[in-house]
């Protein structure tokens, strides 16, 4: 019941009382982050760099925690290649969506080939990145028009693509 304020308040109280049990060392990610739950498991993570040190270690710990084993969507804002590498290493079995567009990573800063190799990944939102591999499992891509997307698509990078969203405010370089 998403509109039930009492139930939502009780859920927040429960999380606060059982933070260590539910998130382990990943509890520090709640500062500057967001966690969506489904059926008692973390369904969605949105992580931003926090003022605390050790964000990547906390992210790795949370991905390894039992409550995160069914995560389906992850948003990584400004955490860079280390966060992408941690997500690839964890390879959550139901991971469907990864968004990295709200970061300040630029061309050459990220290598997402290993991420695109995850077989369950169907939706990505990425800024320009180093992408060389085909990702036939992808059905949705969001990015800027500059950089990798046009050339990657022309070369057959996402042959089963159903939806493409491009930010056309960036400078185009082919």
Protein backbone atom coordinates (compact mmCIF):
# COMPACT_ATOMS: atom_id res chain seq x y z
CA UNK A 1 0.00 0.00 0.00
CA UNK A 2 2.28 2.82 -1.21
CA UNK A 3 -0.15 5.53 -0.10
CA UNK A 4 -0.53 4.17 3.45
CA UNK A 5 1.52 6.62 5.54
CA UNK A 6 1.22 4.54 8.72
CA UNK A 7 2.55 1.43 7.01
CA UNK A 8 5.39 3.39 5.41
CA UNK A 9 6.29 4.91 8.78
CA UNK A 10 6.33 1.46 10.37
CA UNK A 11 8.63 0.20 7.60
CA UNK A 12 11.04 3.11 8.16
CA UNK A 13 11.02 2.43 11.91
CA UNK A 14 11.68 -1.27 11.28
CA UNK A 15 14.60 -0.46 8.97
CA UNK A 16 16.05 1.94 11.52
CA UNK A 17 15.80 -0.65 14.29
CA UNK A 18 17.32 -3.47 12.21
CA UNK A 19 19.78 -1.60 10.00
CA UNK A 20 22.79 -3.80 10.75
CA UNK A 21 20.85 -7.01 10.19
CA UNK A 22 19.21 -5.84 6.96
CA UNK A 23 22.17 -4.08 5.33
CA UNK A 24 25.33 -5.12 7.17
CA UNK A 25 28.30 -2.88 6.37
CA UNK A 26 26.29 -1.45 3.48
CA UNK A 27 24.19 0.57 5.91
CA UNK A 28 26.43 3.61 5.38
CA UNK A 29 25.08 3.85 1.81
CA UNK A 30 21.77 5.16 3.09
CA UNK A 31 23.48 8.54 3.43
CA UNK A 32 23.08 9.92 -0.09
CA UNK A 33 21.43 6.77 -1.38
CA UNK A 34 18.06 5.11 -1.79
CA UNK A 35 16.99 1.52 -1.36
CA UNK A 36 13.75 0.06 -2.69
CA UNK A 37 12.45 -3.15 -1.17
CA UNK A 38 10.31 -5.93 -2.63
CA UNK A 39 9.15 -9.03 -0.78
CA UNK A 40 11.74 -8.48 1.95
CA UNK A 41 14.71 -8.10 -0.41
CA UNK A 42 16.46 -5.10 -1.90
CA UNK A 43 14.98 -4.62 -5.35
CA UNK A 44 16.57 -1.31 -6.32
CA UNK A 45 19.69 0.59 -5.25
CA UNK A 46 20.51 4.18 -6.06
CA UNK A 47 23.92 5.06 -4.73
CA UNK A 48 25.72 8.41 -4.74
CA UNK A 49 29.11 9.19 -3.26
CA UNK A 50 28.52 10.08 0.36
CA UNK A 51 30.57 12.23 2.67
CA UNK A 52 31.85 9.06 4.31
CA UNK A 53 34.93 7.23 3.14
CA UNK A 54 34.64 3.66 1.94
CA UNK A 55 31.62 3.97 -0.34
CA UNK A 56 32.94 1.31 -2.76
CA UNK A 57 33.73 -1.13 0.06
CA UNK A 58 30.26 -0.56 1.52
CA UNK A 59 28.74 -1.10 -1.94
CA UNK A 60 30.64 -4.39 -2.34
CA UNK A 61 29.52 -5.51 1.12
CA UNK A 62 25.90 -4.66 0.37
CA UNK A 63 25.99 -6.54 -2.94
CA UNK A 64 27.30 -9.59 -1.05
CA UNK A 65 24.65 -9.31 1.69
CA UNK A 66 21.73 -11.80 1.55
CA UNK A 67 19.17 -8.98 1.44
CA UNK A 68 20.64 -7.84 -1.90
CA UNK A 69 20.69 -11.18 -3.68
CA UNK A 70 17.57 -10.37 -5.72
CA UNK A 71 18.44 -6.78 -6.72
CA UNK A 72 17.06 -5.91 -10.15
CA UNK A 73 17.99 -2.25 -10.67
CA UNK A 74 21.10 -0.28 -9.71
CA UNK A 75 21.83 3.41 -10.19
CA UNK A 76 25.46 4.44 -9.73
CA UNK A 77 25.91 8.18 -9.56
CA UNK A 78 29.44 9.48 -9.76
CA UNK A 79 31.08 6.37 -8.30
CA UNK A 80 33.14 5.62 -11.39
CA UNK A 81 34.78 2.48 -12.67
CA UNK A 82 35.31 0.92 -9.23
CA UNK A 83 31.53 0.71 -8.69
CA UNK A 84 30.97 -0.76 -12.15
CA UNK A 85 33.68 -3.34 -11.46
CA UNK A 86 32.11 -4.21 -8.09
CA UNK A 87 28.72 -4.70 -9.71
CA UNK A 88 30.19 -6.90 -12.44
CA UNK A 89 32.08 -8.98 -9.85
CA UNK A 90 28.89 -9.50 -7.81
CA UNK A 91 26.86 -10.34 -10.94
CA UNK A 92 23.45 -10.24 -9.25
CA UNK A 93 21.40 -13.01 -10.89
CA UNK A 94 18.31 -10.84 -11.49
CA UNK A 95 20.07 -7.61 -12.45
CA UNK A 96 17.99 -6.09 -15.22
CA UNK A 97 18.77 -2.36 -15.20
CA UNK A 98 21.90 -0.28 -14.57
CA UNK A 99 21.92 3.50 -14.78
CA UNK A 100 25.13 5.52 -14.69
CA UNK A 101 23.92 8.65 -16.52
CA UNK A 102 23.71 10.83 -13.43
CA UNK A 103 27.44 10.76 -12.94
CA UNK A 104 30.23 12.98 -14.20
CA UNK A 105 32.13 10.19 -15.93
CA UNK A 106 33.33 11.10 -19.42
CA UNK A 107 34.67 9.26 -22.44
CA UNK A 108 37.61 7.11 -21.46
CA UNK A 109 36.70 7.10 -17.78
CA UNK A 110 34.63 3.96 -17.85
CA UNK A 111 34.84 0.56 -19.44
CA UNK A 112 31.45 -1.10 -19.47
CA UNK A 113 32.12 -4.12 -21.70
CA UNK A 114 32.12 -6.46 -18.71
CA UNK A 115 28.87 -4.91 -17.50
CA UNK A 116 27.25 -5.40 -20.89
CA UNK A 117 28.31 -9.06 -20.77
CA UNK A 118 26.00 -9.75 -17.82
CA UNK A 119 23.35 -12.03 -19.36
CA UNK A 120 20.37 -10.68 -17.41
CA UNK A 121 21.07 -7.01 -18.15
CA UNK A 122 18.36 -5.66 -20.45
CA UNK A 123 18.34 -1.90 -19.79
CA UNK A 124 21.24 0.55 -19.43
CA UNK A 125 21.63 4.27 -19.04
CA UNK A 126 25.22 5.30 -19.67
CA UNK A 127 27.27 8.34 -20.44
CA UNK A 128 29.88 7.95 -23.17
CA UNK A 129 32.03 4.96 -22.33
CA UNK A 130 34.50 2.55 -23.83
CA UNK A 131 32.19 -0.03 -25.40
CA UNK A 132 33.38 -2.58 -27.91
CA UNK A 133 31.24 -5.64 -27.31
CA UNK A 134 27.83 -6.46 -28.70
CA UNK A 135 24.99 -6.78 -26.18
CA UNK A 136 22.16 -8.67 -27.88
CA UNK A 137 20.24 -9.00 -24.61
CA UNK A 138 19.72 -5.22 -24.36
CA UNK A 139 16.26 -3.93 -25.19
CA UNK A 140 16.67 -0.36 -23.89
CA UNK A 141 19.57 2.12 -23.96
CA UNK A 142 19.69 5.71 -22.75
CA UNK A 143 22.73 7.91 -23.34
CA UNK A 144 23.94 11.08 -24.97
CA UNK A 145 24.11 11.27 -28.73
CA UNK A 146 27.82 12.07 -28.52
CA UNK A 147 30.40 9.34 -28.35
CA UNK A 148 29.83 5.63 -28.42
CA UNK A 149 26.11 5.14 -29.07
CA UNK A 150 25.74 5.99 -32.78
CA UNK A 151 28.81 4.05 -33.91
CA UNK A 152 28.08 1.16 -31.56
CA UNK A 153 24.51 0.85 -32.84
CA UNK A 154 25.59 1.07 -36.49
CA UNK A 155 28.02 -1.79 -35.84
CA UNK A 156 25.19 -3.93 -34.40
CA UNK A 157 25.94 -3.35 -30.73
CA UNK A 158 22.34 -3.92 -29.64
CA UNK A 159 20.57 -5.88 -32.37
CA UNK A 160 17.44 -6.44 -30.27
CA UNK A 161 17.06 -2.84 -29.14
CA UNK A 162 13.43 -1.78 -28.69
CA UNK A 163 13.88 1.64 -27.10
CA UNK A 164 16.60 4.25 -27.50
CA UNK A 165 16.66 7.52 -25.55
CA UNK A 166 19.30 10.07 -26.49
CA UNK A 167 20.20 13.36 -24.85
CA UNK A 168 20.83 15.52 -27.89
CA UNK A 169 22.17 18.52 -25.98
CA UNK A 170 25.74 17.20 -26.14
CA UNK A 171 28.23 17.94 -28.89
CA UNK A 172 28.16 15.27 -31.59
CA UNK A 173 31.45 13.66 -32.64
CA UNK A 174 31.36 10.71 -35.01
